[in-house]
Amino acid sequence: MKMRLQKALAEAGYASRRASEELIKAGRVTVDGVVAGLGDSADPETQLIAVDGRPITAEAKEYWLLNKPAGVLSAVTDARGRRTVSDLVPTRARVFPVGRLDLDSTGLVLLTNDGDLAGRLLHPRYHVEKEYVVTVRGVVRKESVEQLRRGVMLEDGMTAPAKVDVTGIDRPAGGGPVTTMRVVLHEGRKRQVRRMMEAVGHRVVTLHRTRFAGITDAGLLPGQARRLSSAELSTLIKHAGM
């Protein structure tokens, strides 16, 4: 049965639909030896679909949770040879990160080869929550907290309302005050939390994702990865509306 190429790639566990679109745009996908275009369809059962010349084959679906340390890229590979999240997951399956954490941020990253689930978890329509613990320079005033809750204007538009709470203010010796906050978003823009804080005048010191959908980092050490339990997978599927 013919289907859109990005759907075929996602169902084969090669990448999310969004990432598959980028592969197609880059001219890296062929159908029966012919470079494919965005919007093309193919039948995976009767036609040869390949990425970078390598035929795609369906894999058993895998679901992993990683507590990403700082200094690790949220990517599958890196041309400069830097360590990536894929290096920390002990599997031969082509799992990829669902969303990203920037290089200096830490915390939960979900990796899977289930492109359909990944696409839904990232789509703003499903309002999948991500929770962060953020430490910023200075004392965050009540007015700034309210502004973050309502939404702030970034260069790519107004952010959706967020759940924001101040959980502590410390005054370390030899330095200025820092504020620790809990931030819950259902968007996934690039460097969004950092940019939101900068928009209200505060620079992020540390940023850690503690929860993705209903799954938390409890018991997962930095750099450690594990497979999702069946209950956790059911939670993700429920949040994705599948």
Foldseek 3Di string as FASTA:
>chain_A
DKDFPLVVQLQLLQAASVVVQVQLCVQQKDKQPHRDHHPDIDDLVPIFIDGNPHTGGHDDKFKKKAWAAAQEWQFCDDPVGGHHLVVLDPDPGNWHWLATDDRGATEITMIISNNVLSVLLQDLVLLWKWKKKWKWFDDDDPVLQVDQQPWDQDPVGTFHGKDKDWDDWDQDPPDGIMTIMMIMGSHRDPVVVQRSQVRSPIGTDYMYTADTRHDGCPPHDHSHMDTDDPVVVVSSCVSSVD
